[in-house]
C-alpha atoms as a PDB file:
ATOM      1  CA  MET A   1      19.192 -10.597   5.397  1.00  0.00           C
ATOM      2  CA  ILE A   2      18.534  -7.420   3.407  1.00  0.00           C
ATOM      3  CA  SER A   3      16.729  -5.023   5.759  1.00  0.00           C
ATOM      4  CA  SER A   4      16.838  -1.879   3.607  1.00  0.00           C
ATOM      5  CA  ILE A   5      18.087  -0.564   0.286  1.00  0.00           C
ATOM      6  CA  ARG A   6      18.941   2.873  -1.053  1.00  0.00           C
ATOM      7  CA  GLY A   7      19.725   3.856  -4.602  1.00  0.00           C
ATOM      8  CA  GLU A   8      18.523   5.324  -7.873  1.00  0.00           C
ATOM      9  CA  VAL A   9      15.132   4.192  -9.138  1.00  0.00           C
ATOM     10  CA  LEU A  10      15.668   2.701 -12.601  1.00  0.00           C
ATOM     11  CA  GLN A  11      12.114   1.586 -13.283  1.00  0.00           C
ATOM     12  CA  VAL A  12       8.652   1.707 -11.709  1.00  0.00           C
ATOM     13  CA  GLY A  13       6.262  -1.040 -12.842  1.00  0.00           C
ATOM     14  CA  LEU A  14       2.711  -2.069 -11.971  1.00  0.00           C
ATOM     15  CA  ASP A  15       3.688  -4.046  -8.872  1.00  0.00           C
ATOM     16  CA  HIS A  16       7.421  -3.515  -8.504  1.00  0.00           C
ATOM     17  CA  ALA A  17      10.323  -1.136  -8.906  1.00  0.00           C
ATOM     18  CA  VAL A  18      13.943  -1.644  -9.895  1.00  0.00           C
ATOM     19  CA  VAL A  19      16.470   0.148  -7.663  1.00  0.00           C
ATOM     20  CA  GLU A  20      20.173   0.291  -8.471  1.00  0.00           C
ATOM     21  CA  VAL A  21      22.322  -0.615  -5.458  1.00  0.00           C
ATOM     22  CA  SER A  22      26.121  -0.784  -5.845  1.00  0.00           C
ATOM     23  CA  GLY A  23      25.787  -1.326  -9.581  1.00  0.00           C
ATOM     24  CA  PHE A  24      23.103  -4.030  -9.299  1.00  0.00           C
ATOM     25  CA  GLY A  25      19.474  -3.501 -10.286  1.00  0.00           C
ATOM     26  CA  LEU A  26      17.313  -5.010  -7.546  1.00  0.00           C
ATOM     27  CA  GLU A  27      13.672  -5.783  -8.329  1.00  0.00           C
ATOM     28  CA  VAL A  28      11.521  -4.883  -5.332  1.00  0.00           C
ATOM     29  CA  SER A  29       7.821  -5.751  -5.108  1.00  0.00           C
ATOM     30  CA  ALA A  30       5.702  -3.132  -3.339  1.00  0.00           C
ATOM     31  CA  THR A  31       2.181  -1.828  -2.826  1.00  0.00           C
ATOM     32  CA  PRO A  32       0.711   0.705  -5.292  1.00  0.00           C
ATOM     33  CA  GLN A  33       0.908   3.304  -2.510  1.00  0.00           C
ATOM     34  CA  THR A  34       4.659   2.841  -2.109  1.00  0.00           C
ATOM     35  CA  LEU A  35       5.232   2.780  -5.865  1.00  0.00           C
ATOM     36  CA  THR A  36       3.449   6.111  -6.368  1.00  0.00           C
ATOM     37  CA  GLU A  37       6.084   7.743  -4.156  1.00  0.00           C
ATOM     38  CA  LEU A  38       8.943   6.539  -6.398  1.00  0.00           C
ATOM     39  CA  ARG A  39      10.168   8.440  -9.436  1.00  0.00           C
ATOM     40  CA  THR A  40      12.498   7.120 -12.127  1.00  0.00           C
ATOM     41  CA  GLY A  41      15.890   8.780 -11.813  1.00  0.00           C
ATOM     42  CA  SER A  42      15.364   9.809  -8.190  1.00  0.00           C
ATOM     43  CA  GLU A  43      16.959   8.241  -5.133  1.00  0.00           C
ATOM     44  CA  ALA A  44      14.801   6.024  -2.964  1.00  0.00           C
ATOM     45  CA  ARG A  45      15.246   4.357   0.408  1.00  0.00           C
ATOM     46  CA  LEU A  46      13.023   1.395   1.213  1.00  0.00           C
ATOM     47  CA  LEU A  47      12.764  -0.926   4.171  1.00  0.00           C
ATOM     48  CA  THR A  48      12.769  -4.469   2.837  1.00  0.00           C
ATOM     49  CA  SER A  49      11.809  -8.031   3.580  1.00  0.00           C
ATOM     50  CA  PHE A  50      13.736 -10.839   1.867  1.00  0.00           C
ATOM     51  CA  VAL A  51      11.632 -13.940   1.175  1.00  0.00           C
ATOM     52  CA  PRO A  52      13.590 -17.065   0.112  1.00  0.00           C
ATOM     53  CA  ARG A  53      11.787 -19.775  -1.856  1.00  0.00           C
ATOM     54  CA  GLN A  54      12.786 -23.431  -2.250  1.00  0.00           C
ATOM     55  CA  ASP A  55      11.635 -23.993  -5.818  1.00  0.00           C
ATOM     56  CA  ASP A  56      12.017 -20.529  -7.312  1.00  0.00           C
ATOM     57  CA  ALA A  57      14.030 -17.318  -7.157  1.00  0.00           C
ATOM     58  CA  PRO A  58      13.874 -15.376  -3.867  1.00  0.00           C
ATOM     59  CA  LEU A  59      11.711 -12.263  -3.652  1.00  0.00           C
ATOM     60  CA  LEU A  60      12.448  -8.834  -2.204  1.00  0.00           C
ATOM     61  CA  PHE A  61       9.615  -6.652  -0.918  1.00  0.00           C
ATOM     62  CA  GLY A  62       9.897  -2.930  -0.207  1.00  0.00           C
ATOM     63  CA  PHE A  63       8.029  -0.734   2.272  1.00  0.00           C
ATOM     64  CA  ALA A  64       7.821   2.988   2.873  1.00  0.00           C
ATOM     65  CA  GLU A  65       7.538   2.601   6.650  1.00  0.00           C
ATOM     66  CA  ALA A  66       8.397   0.157   9.433  1.00  0.00           C
ATOM     67  CA  GLY A  67       4.736  -0.446  10.309  1.00  0.00           C
ATOM     68  CA  GLU A  68       4.038  -1.854   6.850  1.00  0.00           C
ATOM     69  CA  ARG A  69       6.961  -4.253   7.085  1.00  0.00           C
ATOM     70  CA  GLU A  70       5.881  -5.430  10.535  1.00  0.00           C
ATOM     71  CA  ILE A  71       2.373  -6.223   9.294  1.00  0.00           C
ATOM     72  CA  PHE A  72       3.815  -7.971   6.235  1.00  0.00           C
ATOM     73  CA  THR A  73       6.162 -10.231   8.203  1.00  0.00           C
ATOM     74  CA  SER A  74       3.444 -10.983  10.767  1.00  0.00           C
ATOM     75  CA  LEU A  75       1.069 -12.096   8.007  1.00  0.00           C
ATOM     76  CA  LEU A  76       3.755 -14.356   6.507  1.00  0.00           C
ATOM     77  CA  SER A  77       3.829 -16.340   9.758  1.00  0.00           C
ATOM     78  CA  ILE A  78       0.264 -17.506   9.092  1.00  0.00           C
ATOM     79  CA  SER A  79      -0.316 -20.767   7.252  1.00  0.00           C
ATOM     80  CA  GLY A  80      -1.870 -20.167   3.848  1.00  0.00           C
ATOM     81  CA  VAL A  81      -0.772 -16.520   3.610  1.00  0.00           C
ATOM     82  CA  GLY A  82       2.033 -15.983   1.124  1.00  0.00           C
ATOM     83  CA  PRO A  83       3.941 -12.796   0.340  1.00  0.00           C
ATOM     84  CA  ARG A  84       1.658 -11.733  -2.520  1.00  0.00           C
ATOM     85  CA  LEU A  85      -1.433 -12.053  -0.341  1.00  0.00           C
ATOM     86  CA  ALA A  86       0.269 -10.225   2.525  1.00  0.00           C
ATOM     87  CA  LEU A  87       1.130  -7.412   0.132  1.00  0.00           C
ATOM     88  CA  ALA A  88      -2.479  -7.312  -1.078  1.00  0.00           C
ATOM     89  CA  VAL A  89      -3.622  -6.693   2.510  1.00  0.00           C
ATOM     90  CA  LEU A  90      -1.368  -3.640   2.683  1.00  0.00           C
ATOM     91  CA  SER A  91      -2.648  -2.436  -0.681  1.00  0.00           C
ATOM     92  CA  VAL A  92      -6.171  -2.266   0.733  1.00  0.00           C
ATOM     93  CA  HIS A  93      -5.558  -1.367   4.398  1.00  0.00           C
ATOM     94  CA  THR A  94      -3.134   0.885   6.244  1.00  0.00           C
ATOM     95  CA  PRO A  95      -1.108  -0.729   9.054  1.00  0.00           C
ATOM     96  CA  ALA A  96      -3.330   1.080  11.587  1.00  0.00           C
ATOM     97  CA  GLU A  97      -6.447  -0.357   9.947  1.00  0.00           C
ATOM     98  CA  VAL A  98      -4.987  -3.865  10.046  1.00  0.00           C
ATOM     99  CA  ARG A  99      -4.222  -3.497  13.756  1.00  0.00           C
ATOM    100  CA  ALA A 100      -7.705  -2.165  14.469  1.00  0.00           C
ATOM    101  CA  ALA A 101      -9.356  -4.972  12.488  1.00  0.00           C
ATOM    102  CA  ILE A 102      -7.437  -7.570  14.483  1.00  0.00           C
ATOM    103  CA  ALA A 103      -8.244  -5.891  17.793  1.00  0.00           C
ATOM    104  CA  GLU A 104     -11.942  -5.731  16.877  1.00  0.00           C
ATOM    105  CA  SER A 105     -12.059  -9.222  15.292  1.00  0.00           C
ATOM    106  CA  ASP A 106     -13.339  -7.637  12.093  1.00  0.00           C
ATOM    107  CA  THR A 107     -13.491 -10.511   9.603  1.00  0.00           C
ATOM    108  CA  ALA A 108     -15.106  -8.346   6.919  1.00  0.00           C
ATOM    109  CA  ALA A 109     -12.077  -6.059   6.805  1.00  0.00           C
ATOM    110  CA  PHE A 110      -9.908  -8.910   5.553  1.00  0.00           C
ATOM    111  CA  THR A 111     -12.457 -10.469   3.201  1.00  0.00           C
ATOM    112  CA  ARG A 112     -12.448  -7.150   1.337  1.00  0.00           C
ATOM    113  CA  VAL A 113      -8.923  -8.020   0.228  1.00  0.00           C
ATOM    114  CA  PRO A 114      -8.938  -9.873  -3.132  1.00  0.00           C
ATOM    115  CA  GLY A 115      -7.895 -13.498  -2.547  1.00  0.00           C
ATOM    116  CA  ILE A 116      -8.892 -13.714   1.121  1.00  0.00           C
ATOM    117  CA  GLY A 117     -11.962 -15.729   2.040  1.00  0.00           C
ATOM    118  CA  LYS A 118     -13.756 -16.021   5.356  1.00  0.00           C
ATOM    119  CA  LYS A 119     -11.675 -18.953   6.621  1.00  0.00           C
ATOM    120  CA  THR A 120      -8.365 -17.234   5.884  1.00  0.00           C
ATOM    121  CA  ALA A 121      -9.645 -14.024   7.468  1.00  0.00           C
ATOM    122  CA  GLN A 122     -10.612 -15.905  10.619  1.00  0.00           C
ATOM    123  CA  ARG A 123      -7.186 -17.561  10.719  1.00  0.00           C
ATOM    124  CA  ILE A 124      -5.505 -14.162  10.493  1.00  0.00           C
ATOM    125  CA  LEU A 125      -7.585 -12.824  13.372  1.00  0.00           C
ATOM    126  CA  LEU A 126      -6.935 -15.908  15.496  1.00  0.00           C
ATOM    127  CA  GLU A 127      -3.173 -16.055  15.003  1.00  0.00           C
ATOM    128  CA  LEU A 128      -2.453 -12.320  15.253  1.00  0.00           C
ATOM    129  CA  ALA A 129      -4.815 -11.515  18.127  1.00  0.00           C
ATOM    130  CA  GLY A 130      -2.877  -9.761  20.868  1.00  0.00           C
ATOM    131  CA  LYS A 131       0.355  -9.677  18.844  1.00  0.00           C
ATOM    132  CA  LEU A 132      -0.010  -6.274  17.189  1.00  0.00           C
ATOM    133  CA  VAL A 133      -0.345  -3.126  19.282  1.00  0.00           C
ATOM    134  CA  ILE A 134      -2.795  -0.478  18.090  1.00  0.00           C
ATOM    135  CA  GLU A 135      -0.934   2.741  17.395  1.00  0.00           C
ATOM    136  CA  GLN A 136      -2.435   6.087  18.339  1.00  0.00           C
ATOM    137  CA  PRO A 137      -2.971   8.267  15.260  1.00  0.00           C
ATOM    138  CA  PRO A 138      -0.945  11.489  15.175  1.00  0.00           C
ATOM    139  CA  GLU A 139      -2.730  14.731  15.967  1.00  0.00           C
ATOM    140  CA  GLU A 140      -4.083  16.525  12.946  1.00  0.00           C
ATOM    141  CA  PRO A 141      -2.114  19.720  12.271  1.00  0.00           C
ATOM    142  CA  SER A 142      -4.074  22.953  12.304  1.00  0.00           C
ATOM    143  CA  SER A 143      -5.033  24.115   8.822  1.00  0.00           C
ATOM    144  CA  ASP A 144      -4.726  27.818   8.115  1.00  0.00           C
ATOM    145  CA  GLY A 145      -3.416  27.790   4.533  1.00  0.00           C
ATOM    146  CA  GLY A 146      -5.103  29.627   1.694  1.00  0.00           C
ATOM    147  CA  SER A 147      -7.938  28.016  -0.227  1.00  0.00           C
ATOM    148  CA  ALA A 148      -6.156  28.533  -3.551  1.00  0.00           C
ATOM    149  CA  GLU A 149      -3.135  26.571  -2.380  1.00  0.00           C
ATOM    150  CA  ALA A 150      -5.330  23.792  -1.004  1.00  0.00           C
ATOM    151  CA  GLU A 151      -7.210  23.589  -4.305  1.00  0.00           C
ATOM    152  CA  ALA A 152      -3.958  23.299  -6.250  1.00  0.00           C
ATOM    153  CA  ASP A 153      -2.698  20.573  -3.927  1.00  0.00           C
ATOM    154  CA  GLY A 154      -5.990  18.718  -4.304  1.00  0.00           C
ATOM    155  CA  GLU A 155      -5.777  18.730  -8.092  1.00  0.00           C
ATOM    156  CA  GLN A 156      -2.201  17.467  -7.930  1.00  0.00           C
ATOM    157  CA  VAL A 157      -3.306  14.587  -5.708  1.00  0.00           C
ATOM    158  CA  ARG A 158      -6.117  13.751  -8.130  1.00  0.00           C
ATOM    159  CA  ALA A 159      -3.709  13.706 -11.056  1.00  0.00           C
ATOM    160  CA  GLN A 160      -1.228  11.426  -9.293  1.00  0.00           C
ATOM    161  CA  VAL A 161      -3.947   8.991  -8.218  1.00  0.00           C
ATOM    162  CA  ARG A 162      -5.360   8.891 -11.760  1.00  0.00           C
ATOM    163  CA  GLU A 163      -1.865   8.217 -13.106  1.00  0.00           C
ATOM    164  CA  ALA A 164      -1.393   5.360 -10.640  1.00  0.00           C
ATOM    165  CA  LEU A 165      -4.752   3.802 -11.561  1.00  0.00           C
ATOM    166  CA  THR A 166      -4.078   3.950 -15.291  1.00  0.00           C
ATOM    167  CA  SER A 167      -0.691   2.299 -14.709  1.00  0.00           C
ATOM    168  CA  LEU A 168      -2.563  -0.495 -12.928  1.00  0.00           C
ATOM    169  CA  GLY A 169      -4.841  -1.141 -15.894  1.00  0.00           C
ATOM    170  CA  TRP A 170      -7.794   1.229 -15.707  1.00  0.00           C
ATOM    171  CA  THR A 171      -8.658   3.651 -18.497  1.00  0.00           C
ATOM    172  CA  GLU A 172      -8.185   7.386 -17.960  1.00  0.00           C
ATOM    173  CA  LYS A 173     -11.970   7.861 -17.973  1.00  0.00           C
ATOM    174  CA  ASP A 174     -12.627   5.115 -15.413  1.00  0.00           C
ATOM    175  CA  ALA A 175      -9.779   6.381 -13.234  1.00  0.00           C
ATOM    176  CA  ARG A 176     -11.150   9.927 -13.245  1.00  0.00           C
ATOM    177  CA  ILE A 177     -14.672   8.748 -12.391  1.00  0.00           C
ATOM    178  CA  ALA A 178     -13.433   6.468  -9.603  1.00  0.00           C
ATOM    179  CA  VAL A 179     -11.328   9.201  -7.972  1.00  0.00           C
ATOM    180  CA  GLU A 180     -14.075  11.821  -8.086  1.00  0.00           C
ATOM    181  CA  LYS A 181     -16.647   9.349  -6.778  1.00  0.00           C
ATOM    182  CA  GLU A 182     -14.405   8.435  -3.848  1.00  0.00           C
ATOM    183  CA  LEU A 183     -13.678  12.074  -3.005  1.00  0.00           C
ATOM    184  CA  GLN A 184     -17.382  12.898  -3.067  1.00  0.00           C
ATOM    185  CA  ALA A 185     -18.193   9.937  -0.828  1.00  0.00           C
ATOM    186  CA  ARG A 186     -15.334  10.789   1.565  1.00  0.00           C
ATOM    187  CA  PRO A 187     -14.878  14.588   1.750  1.00  0.00           C
ATOM    188  CA  GLU A 188     -12.142  14.131   4.371  1.00  0.00           C
ATOM    189  CA  LEU A 189      -9.882  12.702   1.637  1.00  0.00           C
ATOM    190  CA  ALA A 190      -9.624  16.175   0.082  1.00  0.00           C
ATOM    191  CA  GLU A 191      -6.727  16.889   2.442  1.00  0.00           C
ATOM    192  CA  ALA A 192      -5.277  13.366   2.502  1.00  0.00           C
ATOM    193  CA  ALA A 193      -1.998  12.211   0.989  1.00  0.00           C
ATOM    194  CA  VAL A 194      -1.811  10.585  -2.446  1.00  0.00           C
ATOM    195  CA  SER A 195      -1.205   7.148  -0.917  1.00  0.00           C
ATOM    196  CA  GLU A 196      -4.356   7.335   1.217  1.00  0.00           C
ATOM    197  CA  VAL A 197      -6.596   8.519  -1.637  1.00  0.00           C
ATOM    198  CA  LEU A 198      -5.198   5.745  -3.829  1.00  0.00           C
ATOM    199  CA  ARG A 199      -5.702   3.156  -1.079  1.00  0.00           C
ATOM    200  CA  GLN A 200      -9.344   4.108  -0.569  1.00  0.00           C
ATOM    201  CA  THR A 201     -10.048   4.225  -4.302  1.00  0.00           C
ATOM    202  CA  LEU A 202      -8.472   0.801  -4.821  1.00  0.00           C
ATOM    203  CA  ARG A 203     -10.554  -0.545  -1.963  1.00  0.00           C
ATOM    204  CA  SER A 204     -13.746   0.687  -3.652  1.00  0.00           C
ATOM    205  CA  LEU A 205     -12.635  -0.755  -6.994  1.00  0.00           C
ATOM    206  CA  GLY A 206     -11.725  -4.098  -5.438  1.00  0.00           C
ATOM    207  CA  GLY A 207      -7.981  -4.175  -6.110  1.00  0.00           C
ATOM    208  CA  PRO A 208      -5.806  -3.808  -9.215  1.00  0.00           C
ATOM    209  CA  SER A 209      -7.514  -4.250 -12.602  1.00  0.00           C
ATOM    210  CA  ARG A 210      -6.962  -7.626 -14.163  1.00  0.00           C
END
């Protein structure tokens, strides 16, 4: 079993990256949030889940944190939920949101994921109920930085989210409108990380552009 990989990022695609490990280029599928943290030519370390398949080549999935991998493997244990659908859940929801949805029996949270209907959502809630512990969110650090620095950081986040959206198929104009609309609707995202802003914007857009 391959539990993690570390190496130079050779390529970052729409839904995967290629990481060189011991001279081999390994294709790793990942969420848009994880992919935005990878840069071609830089070293990356990813936790992984190896998924063998009987009638096709095996797949390798990469995760930025252990919580994502735990949710992914838990979802794979459910009948009717394959690796692509499990990855789609993590593209729309954070691991904490998945845990909360299961604890609260929130069917709507899962039906917001492209490809998941009401029956599948109910199956997820039924089979994972009581199996995933809700994690306490970390305390928010006190903010005493200058407004100019915060503004610069905010623009950098906007630019990275727009870049990620255009790589997923949206035009530059649509990406810019979607990001600004999401930030206006959720002012708290102004201080959030790139991955969280991207996650919320993708949720509003309904998943990657086809």
